[in-house]
Amino acid sequence: MAAKKPLPRINMSFKVENIVASANLNVELDLFNIAMEVDNVEYEPEQFPGAIMRLKELGTTLLLFKNGKVICSGAKSEKQIAQSIKRAVELLRKYMMARPSA
């Protein structure tokens, strides 16, 4: 019987490159006016139902939806996600509307 070869040593290190998180602001967002008035926001409803907000200073991108849902991508830590969502809320506050009661 042939001797078994030892398994190669596997390097188990890793680096977080991109965290994706979702949030719900529990408001309605006026995407059209956000795109018209806030820097680094694109909105083409014929192409995609959400607005794309790029927070260059934080290195993240947020997808904003009319129903108040937000997807944050590009973060490398939970702290960076929290900072990004907080910054987005600061920029969007005047475009938020209370949701109609059911």
PDB file of N, CA and C in Angstrom:
ATOM      1  N   MET A   1       0.845  -1.176   0.000  1.00  0.00           N
ATOM      2  CA  MET A   1       0.000   0.000   0.000  1.00  0.00           C
ATOM      3  C   MET A   1       0.895   1.246   0.000  1.00  0.00           C
ATOM      4  N   ALA A   2       0.602   2.194  -0.879  1.00  0.00           N
ATOM      5  CA  ALA A   2       1.416   3.404  -1.008  1.00  0.00           C
ATOM      6  C   ALA A   2       1.155   4.328   0.174  1.00  0.00           C
ATOM      7  N   ALA A   3       2.180   5.018   0.596  1.00  0.00           N
ATOM      8  CA  ALA A   3       2.037   5.975   1.703  1.00  0.00           C
ATOM      9  C   ALA A   3       1.203   7.163   1.228  1.00  0.00           C
ATOM     10  N   LYS A   4       0.363   7.631   2.131  1.00  0.00           N
ATOM     11  CA  LYS A   4      -0.468   8.797   1.783  1.00  0.00           C
ATOM     12  C   LYS A   4       0.372  10.069   1.849  1.00  0.00           C
ATOM     13  N   LYS A   5       0.159  10.916   0.873  1.00  0.00           N
ATOM     14  CA  LYS A   5       0.846  12.201   0.876  1.00  0.00           C
ATOM     15  C   LYS A   5       0.157  13.103   1.893  1.00  0.00           C
ATOM     16  N   PRO A   6       0.915  13.905   2.630  1.00  0.00           N
ATOM     17  CA  PRO A   6       0.269  14.835   3.574  1.00  0.00           C
ATOM     18  C   PRO A   6      -0.490  15.919   2.800  1.00  0.00           C
ATOM     19  N   LEU A   7      -1.588  16.335   3.366  1.00  0.00           N
ATOM     20  CA  LEU A   7      -2.365  17.407   2.734  1.00  0.00           C
ATOM     21  C   LEU A   7      -1.587  18.715   2.786  1.00  0.00           C
ATOM     22  N   PRO A   8      -1.696  19.525   1.745  1.00  0.00           N
ATOM     23  CA  PRO A   8      -0.994  20.819   1.781  1.00  0.00           C
ATOM     24  C   PRO A   8      -1.603  21.722   2.850  1.00  0.00           C
ATOM     25  N   ARG A   9      -0.777  22.555   3.430  1.00  0.00           N
ATOM     26  CA  ARG A   9      -1.253  23.512   4.440  1.00  0.00           C
ATOM     27  C   ARG A   9      -2.079  24.583   3.717  1.00  0.00           C
ATOM     28  N   ILE A  10      -3.248  24.862   4.230  1.00  0.00           N
ATOM     29  CA  ILE A  10      -4.151  25.838   3.603  1.00  0.00           C
ATOM     30  C   ILE A  10      -4.114  27.128   4.401  1.00  0.00           C
ATOM     31  N   ASN A  11      -3.912  28.224   3.709  1.00  0.00           N
ATOM     32  CA  ASN A  11      -3.912  29.536   4.341  1.00  0.00           C
ATOM     33  C   ASN A  11      -5.371  29.975   4.510  1.00  0.00           C
ATOM     34  N   MET A  12      -5.806  30.125   5.733  1.00  0.00           N
ATOM     35  CA  MET A  12      -7.205  30.447   6.011  1.00  0.00           C
ATOM     36  C   MET A  12      -7.432  31.938   6.266  1.00  0.00           C
ATOM     37  N   SER A  13      -6.504  32.777   5.913  1.00  0.00           N
ATOM     38  CA  SER A  13      -6.702  34.204   6.150  1.00  0.00           C
ATOM     39  C   SER A  13      -7.635  34.781   5.080  1.00  0.00           C
ATOM     40  N   PHE A  14      -8.308  35.855   5.422  1.00  0.00           N
ATOM     41  CA  PHE A  14      -9.199  36.508   4.473  1.00  0.00           C
ATOM     42  C   PHE A  14      -9.272  37.986   4.796  1.00  0.00           C
ATOM     43  N   LYS A  15      -9.800  38.734   3.845  1.00  0.00           N
ATOM     44  CA  LYS A  15      -9.965  40.176   3.995  1.00  0.00           C
ATOM     45  C   LYS A  15     -11.376  40.528   3.542  1.00  0.00           C
ATOM     46  N   VAL A  16     -12.083  41.272   4.361  1.00  0.00           N
ATOM     47  CA  VAL A  16     -13.426  41.709   3.984  1.00  0.00           C
ATOM     48  C   VAL A  16     -13.289  42.806   2.942  1.00  0.00           C
ATOM     49  N   GLU A  17     -13.933  42.619   1.795  1.00  0.00           N
ATOM     50  CA  GLU A  17     -13.848  43.580   0.697  1.00  0.00           C
ATOM     51  C   GLU A  17     -15.150  44.333   0.473  1.00  0.00           C
ATOM     52  N   ASN A  18     -16.272  43.681   0.721  1.00  0.00           N
ATOM     53  CA  ASN A  18     -17.558  44.300   0.397  1.00  0.00           C
ATOM     54  C   ASN A  18     -18.656  43.694   1.252  1.00  0.00           C
ATOM     55  N   ILE A  19     -19.261  44.531   2.078  1.00  0.00           N
ATOM     56  CA  ILE A  19     -20.411  44.111   2.865  1.00  0.00           C
ATOM     57  C   ILE A  19     -21.640  44.761   2.236  1.00  0.00           C
ATOM     58  N   VAL A  20     -22.697  44.001   2.122  1.00  0.00           N
ATOM     59  CA  VAL A  20     -23.962  44.538   1.623  1.00  0.00           C
ATOM     60  C   VAL A  20     -24.967  44.476   2.770  1.00  0.00           C
ATOM     61  N   ALA A  21     -25.639  45.589   3.025  1.00  0.00           N
ATOM     62  CA  ALA A  21     -26.607  45.652   4.118  1.00  0.00           C
ATOM     63  C   ALA A  21     -27.889  46.289   3.622  1.00  0.00           C
ATOM     64  N   SER A  22     -28.996  45.910   4.235  1.00  0.00           N
ATOM     65  CA  SER A  22     -30.281  46.532   3.904  1.00  0.00           C
ATOM     66  C   SER A  22     -30.801  47.265   5.129  1.00  0.00           C
ATOM     67  N   ALA A  23     -31.558  48.314   4.870  1.00  0.00           N
ATOM     68  CA  ALA A  23     -32.162  49.109   5.938  1.00  0.00           C
ATOM     69  C   ALA A  23     -33.543  49.538   5.488  1.00  0.00           C
ATOM     70  N   ASN A  24     -34.379  49.859   6.449  1.00  0.00           N
ATOM     71  CA  ASN A  24     -35.706  50.381   6.151  1.00  0.00           C
ATOM     72  C   ASN A  24     -35.870  51.669   6.935  1.00  0.00           C
ATOM     73  N   LEU A  25     -36.004  52.787   6.232  1.00  0.00           N
ATOM     74  CA  LEU A  25     -36.145  54.089   6.878  1.00  0.00           C
ATOM     75  C   LEU A  25     -37.576  54.345   7.349  1.00  0.00           C
ATOM     76  N   ASN A  26     -38.509  53.487   6.958  1.00  0.00           N
ATOM     77  CA  ASN A  26     -39.921  53.608   7.347  1.00  0.00           C
ATOM     78  C   ASN A  26     -40.539  54.944   6.960  1.00  0.00           C
ATOM     79  N   VAL A  27     -40.148  55.434   5.791  1.00  0.00           N
ATOM     80  CA  VAL A  27     -40.723  56.657   5.216  1.00  0.00           C
ATOM     81  C   VAL A  27     -40.839  56.424   3.717  1.00  0.00           C
ATOM     82  N   GLU A  28     -41.495  57.343   3.015  1.00  0.00           N
ATOM     83  CA  GLU A  28     -41.467  57.331   1.557  1.00  0.00           C
ATOM     84  C   GLU A  28     -40.440  58.360   1.117  1.00  0.00           C
ATOM     85  N   LEU A  29     -39.730  58.041   0.052  1.00  0.00           N
ATOM     86  CA  LEU A  29     -38.706  58.940  -0.473  1.00  0.00           C
ATOM     87  C   LEU A  29     -39.144  59.511  -1.817  1.00  0.00           C
ATOM     88  N   ASP A  30     -38.922  60.795  -1.995  1.00  0.00           N
ATOM     89  CA  ASP A  30     -39.212  61.481  -3.250  1.00  0.00           C
ATOM     90  C   ASP A  30     -37.979  61.364  -4.148  1.00  0.00           C
ATOM     91  N   LEU A  31     -37.875  60.246  -4.848  1.00  0.00           N
ATOM     92  CA  LEU A  31     -36.671  59.952  -5.622  1.00  0.00           C
ATOM     93  C   LEU A  31     -36.393  60.973  -6.713  1.00  0.00           C
ATOM     94  N   PHE A  32     -37.439  61.480  -7.351  1.00  0.00           N
ATOM     95  CA  PHE A  32     -37.231  62.449  -8.428  1.00  0.00           C
ATOM     96  C   PHE A  32     -36.528  63.696  -7.895  1.00  0.00           C
ATOM     97  N   ASN A  33     -37.048  64.279  -6.817  1.00  0.00           N
ATOM     98  CA  ASN A  33     -36.436  65.495  -6.277  1.00  0.00           C
ATOM     99  C   ASN A  33     -35.076  65.222  -5.646  1.00  0.00           C
ATOM    100  N   ILE A  34     -34.904  64.050  -5.078  1.00  0.00           N
ATOM    101  CA  ILE A  34     -33.593  63.685  -4.543  1.00  0.00           C
ATOM    102  C   ILE A  34     -32.566  63.717  -5.669  1.00  0.00           C
ATOM    103  N   ALA A  35     -32.893  63.100  -6.794  1.00  0.00           N
ATOM    104  CA  ALA A  35     -31.964  63.056  -7.929  1.00  0.00           C
ATOM    105  C   ALA A  35     -31.697  64.448  -8.496  1.00  0.00           C
ATOM    106  N   MET A  36     -32.704  65.308  -8.474  1.00  0.00           N
ATOM    107  CA  MET A  36     -32.548  66.654  -9.024  1.00  0.00           C
ATOM    108  C   MET A  36     -31.700  67.552  -8.118  1.00  0.00           C
ATOM    109  N   GLU A  37     -31.768  67.334  -6.803  1.00  0.00           N
ATOM    110  CA  GLU A  37     -31.178  68.297  -5.872  1.00  0.00           C
ATOM    111  C   GLU A  37     -29.985  67.792  -5.064  1.00  0.00           C
ATOM    112  N   VAL A  38     -29.793  66.509  -4.964  1.00  0.00           N
ATOM    113  CA  VAL A  38     -28.698  65.976  -4.148  1.00  0.00           C
ATOM    114  C   VAL A  38     -27.567  65.526  -5.064  1.00  0.00           C
ATOM    115  N   ASP A  39     -26.352  65.956  -4.746  1.00  0.00           N
ATOM    116  CA  ASP A  39     -25.183  65.577  -5.543  1.00  0.00           C
ATOM    117  C   ASP A  39     -24.958  64.075  -5.505  1.00  0.00           C
ATOM    118  N   ASN A  40     -24.411  63.555  -6.581  1.00  0.00           N
ATOM    119  CA  ASN A  40     -24.021  62.150  -6.700  1.00  0.00           C
ATOM    120  C   ASN A  40     -25.184  61.165  -6.557  1.00  0.00           C
ATOM    121  N   VAL A  41     -26.363  61.574  -7.052  1.00  0.00           N
ATOM    122  CA  VAL A  41     -27.519  60.676  -7.077  1.00  0.00           C
ATOM    123  C   VAL A  41     -28.006  60.575  -8.513  1.00  0.00           C
ATOM    124  N   GLU A  42     -28.173  59.350  -8.982  1.00  0.00           N
ATOM    125  CA  GLU A  42     -28.709  59.094 -10.324  1.00  0.00           C
ATOM    126  C   GLU A  42     -30.062  58.414 -10.180  1.00  0.00           C
ATOM    127  N   TYR A  43     -30.999  58.800 -11.026  1.00  0.00           N
ATOM    128  CA  TYR A  43     -32.316  58.165 -11.003  1.00  0.00           C
ATOM    129  C   TYR A  43     -32.857  58.105 -12.418  1.00  0.00           C
ATOM    130  N   GLU A  44     -32.976  56.898 -12.933  1.00  0.00           N
ATOM    131  CA  GLU A  44     -33.564  56.675 -14.252  1.00  0.00           C
ATOM    132  C   GLU A  44     -34.617  55.584 -14.096  1.00  0.00           C
ATOM    133  N   PRO A  45     -35.855  55.973 -13.743  1.00  0.00           N
ATOM    134  CA  PRO A  45     -36.881  54.978 -13.436  1.00  0.00           C
ATOM    135  C   PRO A  45     -37.215  54.041 -14.593  1.00  0.00           C
ATOM    136  N   GLU A  46     -36.913  54.449 -15.828  1.00  0.00           N
ATOM    137  CA  GLU A  46     -37.158  53.561 -16.965  1.00  0.00           C
ATOM    138  C   GLU A  46     -36.161  52.398 -16.963  1.00  0.00           C
ATOM    139  N   GLN A  47     -34.991  52.615 -16.368  1.00  0.00           N
ATOM    140  CA  GLN A  47     -33.936  51.610 -16.331  1.00  0.00           C
ATOM    141  C   GLN A  47     -33.972  50.768 -15.051  1.00  0.00           C
ATOM    142  N   PHE A  48     -34.256  51.444 -13.899  1.00  0.00           N
ATOM    143  CA  PHE A  48     -34.183  50.792 -12.590  1.00  0.00           C
ATOM    144  C   PHE A  48     -35.086  51.567 -11.636  1.00  0.00           C
ATOM    145  N   PRO A  49     -35.845  50.888 -10.780  1.00  0.00           N
ATOM    146  CA  PRO A  49     -36.821  51.589  -9.930  1.00  0.00           C
ATOM    147  C   PRO A  49     -36.229  52.351  -8.755  1.00  0.00           C
ATOM    148  N   GLY A  50     -34.944  52.227  -8.516  1.00  0.00           N
ATOM    149  CA  GLY A  50     -34.331  52.928  -7.388  1.00  0.00           C
ATOM    150  C   GLY A  50     -33.357  53.993  -7.843  1.00  0.00           C
ATOM    151  N   ALA A  51     -33.066  54.911  -6.922  1.00  0.00           N
ATOM    152  CA  ALA A  51     -32.037  55.925  -7.166  1.00  0.00           C
ATOM    153  C   ALA A  51     -30.715  55.385  -6.639  1.00  0.00           C
ATOM    154  N   ILE A  52     -29.633  55.782  -7.269  1.00  0.00           N
ATOM    155  CA  ILE A  52     -28.297  55.337  -6.874  1.00  0.00           C
ATOM    156  C   ILE A  52     -27.566  56.528  -6.275  1.00  0.00           C
ATOM    157  N   MET A  53     -27.212  56.407  -4.997  1.00  0.00           N
ATOM    158  CA  MET A  53     -26.486  57.464  -4.283  1.00  0.00           C
ATOM    159  C   MET A  53     -25.057  56.985  -4.022  1.00  0.00           C
ATOM    160  N   ARG A  54     -24.102  57.764  -4.482  1.00  0.00           N
ATOM    161  CA  ARG A  54     -22.699  57.410  -4.249  1.00  0.00           C
ATOM    162  C   ARG A  54     -22.129  58.344  -3.175  1.00  0.00           C
ATOM    163  N   LEU A  55     -21.733  57.754  -2.062  1.00  0.00           N
ATOM    164  CA  LEU A  55     -21.111  58.520  -0.981  1.00  0.00           C
ATOM    165  C   LEU A  55     -19.596  58.362  -1.133  1.00  0.00           C
ATOM    166  N   LYS A  56     -19.025  59.218  -1.944  1.00  0.00           N
ATOM    167  CA  LYS A  56     -17.610  59.084  -2.298  1.00  0.00           C
ATOM    168  C   LYS A  56     -16.702  59.194  -1.078  1.00  0.00           C
ATOM    169  N   GLU A  57     -17.060  60.067  -0.130  1.00  0.00           N
ATOM    170  CA  GLU A  57     -16.204  60.252   1.045  1.00  0.00           C
ATOM    171  C   GLU A  57     -16.156  58.992   1.913  1.00  0.00           C
ATOM    172  N   LEU A  58     -17.185  58.148   1.821  1.00  0.00           N
ATOM    173  CA  LEU A  58     -17.224  56.907   2.592  1.00  0.00           C
ATOM    174  C   LEU A  58     -16.940  55.677   1.735  1.00  0.00           C
ATOM    175  N   GLY A  59     -16.915  55.854   0.426  1.00  0.00           N
ATOM    176  CA  GLY A  59     -16.620  54.739  -0.470  1.00  0.00           C
ATOM    177  C   GLY A  59     -17.745  53.735  -0.606  1.00  0.00           C
ATOM    178  N   THR A  60     -18.974  54.178  -0.372  1.00  0.00           N
ATOM    179  CA  THR A  60     -20.117  53.267  -0.461  1.00  0.00           C
ATOM    180  C   THR A  60     -21.125  53.757  -1.489  1.00  0.00           C
ATOM    181  N   THR A  61     -21.979  52.851  -1.911  1.00  0.00           N
ATOM    182  CA  THR A  61     -23.074  53.160  -2.822  1.00  0.00           C
ATOM    183  C   THR A  61     -24.360  52.675  -2.174  1.00  0.00           C
ATOM    184  N   LEU A  62     -25.393  53.514  -2.229  1.00  0.00           N
ATOM    185  CA  LEU A  62     -26.683  53.145  -1.662  1.00  0.00           C
ATOM    186  C   LEU A  62     -27.739  53.143  -2.744  1.00  0.00           C
ATOM    187  N   LEU A  63     -28.551  52.120  -2.755  1.00  0.00           N
ATOM    188  CA  LEU A  63     -29.728  52.075  -3.613  1.00  0.00           C
ATOM    189  C   LEU A  63     -30.900  52.541  -2.767  1.00  0.00           C
ATOM    190  N   LEU A  64     -31.601  53.561  -3.239  1.00  0.00           N
ATOM    191  CA  LEU A  64     -32.723  54.149  -2.510  1.00  0.00           C
ATOM    192  C   LEU A  64     -34.012  53.810  -3.237  1.00  0.00           C
ATOM    193  N   PHE A  65     -35.001  53.358  -2.502  1.00  0.00           N
ATOM    194  CA  PHE A  65     -36.289  53.023  -3.103  1.00  0.00           C
ATOM    195  C   PHE A  65     -37.387  53.890  -2.503  1.00  0.00           C
ATOM    196  N   LYS A  66     -38.419  54.139  -3.292  1.00  0.00           N
ATOM    197  CA  LYS A  66     -39.510  55.015  -2.878  1.00  0.00           C
ATOM    198  C   LYS A  66     -40.116  54.592  -1.545  1.00  0.00           C
ATOM    199  N   ASN A  67     -40.171  53.292  -1.293  1.00  0.00           N
ATOM    200  CA  ASN A  67     -40.798  52.795  -0.065  1.00  0.00           C
ATOM    201  C   ASN A  67     -39.911  52.945   1.174  1.00  0.00           C
ATOM    202  N   GLY A  68     -38.757  53.598   1.021  1.00  0.00           N
ATOM    203  CA  GLY A  68     -37.882  53.851   2.159  1.00  0.00           C
ATOM    204  C   GLY A  68     -36.847  52.773   2.415  1.00  0.00           C
ATOM    205  N   LYS A  69     -36.839  51.758   1.573  1.00  0.00           N
ATOM    206  CA  LYS A  69     -35.832  50.714   1.746  1.00  0.00           C
ATOM    207  C   LYS A  69     -34.531  51.170   1.098  1.00  0.00           C
ATOM    208  N   VAL A  70     -33.422  50.762   1.713  1.00  0.00           N
ATOM    209  CA  VAL A  70     -32.090  51.169   1.280  1.00  0.00           C
ATOM    210  C   VAL A  70     -31.189  49.941   1.271  1.00  0.00           C
ATOM    211  N   ILE A  71     -30.384  49.827   0.232  1.00  0.00           N
ATOM    212  CA  ILE A  71     -29.353  48.797   0.159  1.00  0.00           C
ATOM    213  C   ILE A  71     -28.014  49.532   0.129  1.00  0.00           C
ATOM    214  N   CYS A  72     -27.136  49.198   1.051  1.00  0.00           N
ATOM    215  CA  CYS A  72     -25.815  49.829   1.127  1.00  0.00           C
ATOM    216  C   CYS A  72     -24.776  48.788   0.724  1.00  0.00           C
ATOM    217  N   SER A  73     -23.913  49.136  -0.218  1.00  0.00           N
ATOM    218  CA  SER A  73     -22.861  48.202  -0.645  1.00  0.00           C
ATOM    219  C   SER A  73     -21.519  48.931  -0.708  1.00  0.00           C
ATOM    220  N   GLY A  74     -20.469  48.128  -0.692  1.00  0.00           N
ATOM    221  CA  GLY A  74     -19.128  48.678  -0.798  1.00  0.00           C
ATOM    222  C   GLY A  74     -18.443  48.918   0.525  1.00  0.00           C
ATOM    223  N   ALA A  75     -19.136  48.708   1.623  1.00  0.00           N
ATOM    224  CA  ALA A  75     -18.540  48.925   2.944  1.00  0.00           C
ATOM    225  C   ALA A  75     -17.608  47.773   3.300  1.00  0.00           C
ATOM    226  N   LYS A  76     -16.653  48.069   4.165  1.00  0.00           N
ATOM    227  CA  LYS A  76     -15.718  47.036   4.627  1.00  0.00           C
ATOM    228  C   LYS A  76     -15.898  46.745   6.115  1.00  0.00           C
ATOM    229  N   SER A  77     -16.860  47.435   6.751  1.00  0.00           N
ATOM    230  CA  SER A  77     -17.111  47.195   8.177  1.00  0.00           C
ATOM    231  C   SER A  77     -18.546  47.608   8.513  1.00  0.00           C
ATOM    232  N   GLU A  78     -19.045  47.102   9.633  1.00  0.00           N
ATOM    233  CA  GLU A  78     -20.376  47.508  10.092  1.00  0.00           C
ATOM    234  C   GLU A  78     -20.385  48.986  10.441  1.00  0.00           C
ATOM    235  N   LYS A  79     -19.280  49.488  10.974  1.00  0.00           N
ATOM    236  CA  LYS A  79     -19.180  50.917  11.298  1.00  0.00           C
ATOM    237  C   LYS A  79     -19.353  51.769  10.045  1.00  0.00           C
ATOM    238  N   GLN A  80     -18.741  51.346   8.948  1.00  0.00           N
ATOM    239  CA  GLN A  80     -18.845  52.091   7.686  1.00  0.00           C
ATOM    240  C   GLN A  80     -20.286  52.054   7.163  1.00  0.00           C
ATOM    241  N   ILE A  81     -20.981  50.943   7.359  1.00  0.00           N
ATOM    242  CA  ILE A  81     -22.396  50.863   6.965  1.00  0.00           C
ATOM    243  C   ILE A  81     -23.209  51.863   7.774  1.00  0.00           C
ATOM    244  N   ALA A  82     -23.019  51.857   9.093  1.00  0.00           N
ATOM    245  CA  ALA A  82     -23.766  52.777   9.959  1.00  0.00           C
ATOM    246  C   ALA A  82     -23.491  54.226   9.575  1.00  0.00           C
ATOM    247  N   GLN A  83     -22.232  54.559   9.304  1.00  0.00           N
ATOM    248  CA  GLN A  83     -21.883  55.925   8.898  1.00  0.00           C
ATOM    249  C   GLN A  83     -22.561  56.286   7.584  1.00  0.00           C
ATOM    250  N   SER A  84     -22.607  55.345   6.655  1.00  0.00           N
ATOM    251  CA  SER A  84     -23.201  55.598   5.340  1.00  0.00           C
ATOM    252  C   SER A  84     -24.702  55.837   5.449  1.00  0.00           C
ATOM    253  N   ILE A  85     -25.390  55.014   6.209  1.00  0.00           N
ATOM    254  CA  ILE A  85     -26.832  55.184   6.344  1.00  0.00           C
ATOM    255  C   ILE A  85     -27.145  56.471   7.096  1.00  0.00           C
ATOM    256  N   LYS A  86     -26.361  56.777   8.129  1.00  0.00           N
ATOM    257  CA  LYS A  86     -26.556  58.031   8.867  1.00  0.00           C
ATOM    258  C   LYS A  86     -26.360  59.235   7.942  1.00  0.00           C
ATOM    259  N   ARG A  87     -25.315  59.197   7.113  1.00  0.00           N
ATOM    260  CA  ARG A  87     -25.049  60.303   6.182  1.00  0.00           C
ATOM    261  C   ARG A  87     -26.174  60.429   5.152  1.00  0.00           C
ATOM    262  N   ALA A  88     -26.660  59.300   4.657  1.00  0.00           N
ATOM    263  CA  ALA A  88     -27.769  59.334   3.700  1.00  0.00           C
ATOM    264  C   ALA A  88     -29.001  59.966   4.328  1.00  0.00           C
ATOM    265  N   VAL A  89     -29.314  59.602   5.556  1.00  0.00           N
ATOM    266  CA  VAL A  89     -30.487  60.183   6.236  1.00  0.00           C
ATOM    267  C   VAL A  89     -30.319  61.692   6.370  1.00  0.00           C
ATOM    268  N   GLU A  90     -29.111  62.153   6.708  1.00  0.00           N
ATOM    269  CA  GLU A  90     -28.863  63.598   6.800  1.00  0.00           C
ATOM    270  C   GLU A  90     -29.146  64.284   5.468  1.00  0.00           C
ATOM    271  N   LEU A  91     -28.676  63.684   4.375  1.00  0.00           N
ATOM    272  CA  LEU A  91     -28.860  64.281   3.047  1.00  0.00           C
ATOM    273  C   LEU A  91     -30.303  64.204   2.556  1.00  0.00           C
ATOM    274  N   LEU A  92     -31.036  63.196   3.009  1.00  0.00           N
ATOM    275  CA  LEU A  92     -32.374  62.931   2.479  1.00  0.00           C
ATOM    276  C   LEU A  92     -33.508  63.453   3.351  1.00  0.00           C
ATOM    277  N   ARG A  93     -33.205  63.937   4.529  1.00  0.00           N
ATOM    278  CA  ARG A  93     -34.253  64.282   5.504  1.00  0.00           C
ATOM    279  C   ARG A  93     -35.388  65.121   4.906  1.00  0.00           C
ATOM    280  N   LYS A  94     -35.061  66.131   4.113  1.00  0.00           N
ATOM    281  CA  LYS A  94     -36.130  66.995   3.593  1.00  0.00           C
ATOM    282  C   LYS A  94     -36.933  66.355   2.453  1.00  0.00           C
ATOM    283  N   TYR A  95     -36.507  65.170   1.987  1.00  0.00           N
ATOM    284  CA  TYR A  95     -37.231  64.472   0.923  1.00  0.00           C
ATOM    285  C   TYR A  95     -38.024  63.283   1.459  1.00  0.00           C
ATOM    286  N   MET A  96     -38.098  63.162   2.768  1.00  0.00           N
ATOM    287  CA  MET A  96     -38.814  62.054   3.394  1.00  0.00           C
ATOM    288  C   MET A  96     -40.246  62.462   3.703  1.00  0.00           C
ATOM    289  N   MET A  97     -41.167  61.545   3.432  1.00  0.00           N
ATOM    290  CA  MET A  97     -42.580  61.781   3.712  1.00  0.00           C
ATOM    291  C   MET A  97     -43.086  60.635   4.571  1.00  0.00           C
ATOM    292  N   ALA A  98     -43.963  60.957   5.505  1.00  0.00           N
ATOM    293  CA  ALA A  98     -44.562  59.901   6.315  1.00  0.00           C
ATOM    294  C   ALA A  98     -45.336  58.968   5.413  1.00  0.00           C
ATOM    295  N   ARG A  99     -45.283  57.698   5.728  1.00  0.00           N
ATOM    296  CA  ARG A  99     -46.051  56.725   4.942  1.00  0.00           C
ATOM    297  C   ARG A  99     -47.524  56.881   5.253  1.00  0.00           C
ATOM    298  N   PRO A 100     -48.360  56.739   4.245  1.00  0.00           N
ATOM    299  CA  PRO A 100     -49.797  56.794   4.497  1.00  0.00           C
ATOM    300  C   PRO A 100     -50.213  55.618   5.391  1.00  0.00           C
ATOM    301  N   SER A 101     -51.174  55.856   6.253  1.00  0.00           N
ATOM    302  CA  SER A 101     -51.681  54.776   7.129  1.00  0.00           C
ATOM    303  C   SER A 101     -52.420  53.760   6.294  1.00  0.00           C
ATOM    304  N   ALA A 102     -52.310  52.524   6.728  1.00  0.00           N
ATOM    305  CA  ALA A 102     -52.967  51.423   5.981  1.00  0.00           C
ATOM    306  C   ALA A 102     -54.452  51.399   6.238  1.00  0.00           C
TER     307      ALA A 102
END
